Each structure stands twice: as structure tokens, then as C-alpha cells.
Protein backbone atom coordinates (compact mmCIF):
# COMPACT_ATOMS: atom_id res chain seq x y z
CA MET A 1 212.85 99.37 25.65
CA LYS A 2 213.76 101.03 28.96
CA GLU A 3 211.75 101.80 32.07
CA TYR A 4 212.52 104.37 34.73
CA LYS A 5 211.95 104.79 38.45
CA ILE A 6 212.45 107.83 40.69
CA VAL A 7 213.58 107.20 44.27
CA ARG A 8 213.79 109.99 46.81
CA GLN A 9 215.48 110.47 50.14
CA ARG A 10 214.55 113.30 52.41
CA THR A 11 217.57 114.52 54.33
CA LYS A 12 216.34 113.92 57.87
CA PHE A 13 218.17 112.33 60.78
CA ARG A 14 216.02 109.20 60.65
CA ASN A 15 217.03 108.49 57.04
CA THR A 16 220.73 107.68 57.20
CA ASP A 17 223.03 107.28 54.25
CA SER A 18 223.37 103.56 54.98
CA GLU A 19 219.57 103.08 54.81
CA PHE A 20 219.45 104.84 51.44
CA GLU A 21 222.45 102.83 50.25
CA ASN A 22 220.69 99.61 51.28
CA GLU A 23 217.60 100.68 49.33
CA LEU A 24 219.67 101.42 46.20
CA ASN A 25 221.52 98.09 46.52
CA ALA A 26 218.22 96.21 46.79
CA LEU A 27 217.00 97.95 43.63
CA ALA A 28 220.28 97.13 41.86
CA LYS A 29 219.63 93.43 42.53
CA GLN A 30 216.36 93.92 40.61
CA GLY A 31 218.31 95.26 37.62
CA TRP A 32 218.00 99.00 38.28
CA ILE A 33 220.98 101.25 37.42
CA VAL A 34 221.44 104.82 38.70
CA LYS A 35 221.08 107.09 35.68
CA SER A 36 221.09 110.52 37.35
CA SER A 37 220.65 112.30 40.66
CA ILE A 38 219.05 115.61 41.60
CA VAL A 39 219.31 117.71 44.77
CA MET A 40 216.42 120.08 45.46
CA ASN A 41 217.80 122.95 47.59
CA SER A 42 214.55 124.42 48.84
CA SER A 43 213.06 121.16 50.14
CA SER A 44 216.15 119.22 51.32
CA LEU A 45 215.17 116.48 48.90
CA PHE A 46 217.52 114.14 47.04
CA LYS A 47 216.18 112.19 44.05
CA VAL A 48 217.79 109.40 42.07
CA ILE A 49 216.59 108.38 38.62
CA LEU A 50 217.00 104.67 37.91
CA GLU A 51 216.84 102.79 34.60
CA ARG A 52 216.53 99.14 33.55
CA ASP A 53 215.54 97.13 30.51
CA LYS A 54 211.78 96.66 30.48
CA ASN A 55 211.86 93.23 28.83
CA ARG A 56 214.40 91.49 31.05
């Protein structure tokens, strides 16, 4: 069985790419894999959908 998590990054100057990359790398160490990404034009919002095995 799989479980999913949605992580978002607002595109503001205080949230740099390296901070978001560090967050994704920390989640990868917990077994999360990027499944998909979504960019919301109207709200400058970037979302990443993560997946991992629930019974790990």
C-alpha cells in the first residue's frame, strides 16, 4: 500500500531553491519519492506530490 504527501513552496525571495531542495532531500531520507509536480500560475505556488510505501 502507498501513502502520499503534498509539499508546497511559495515562490518568494525568502524561500530559495536550495532551501526547498534541502527539504526534499530530508524527505527522501524518510523514503519519500517525488511522484509529480504542479505549478499554480495564479498564486505563484509550486507543489510536489510525494509517494512512499506505507508499510516500510
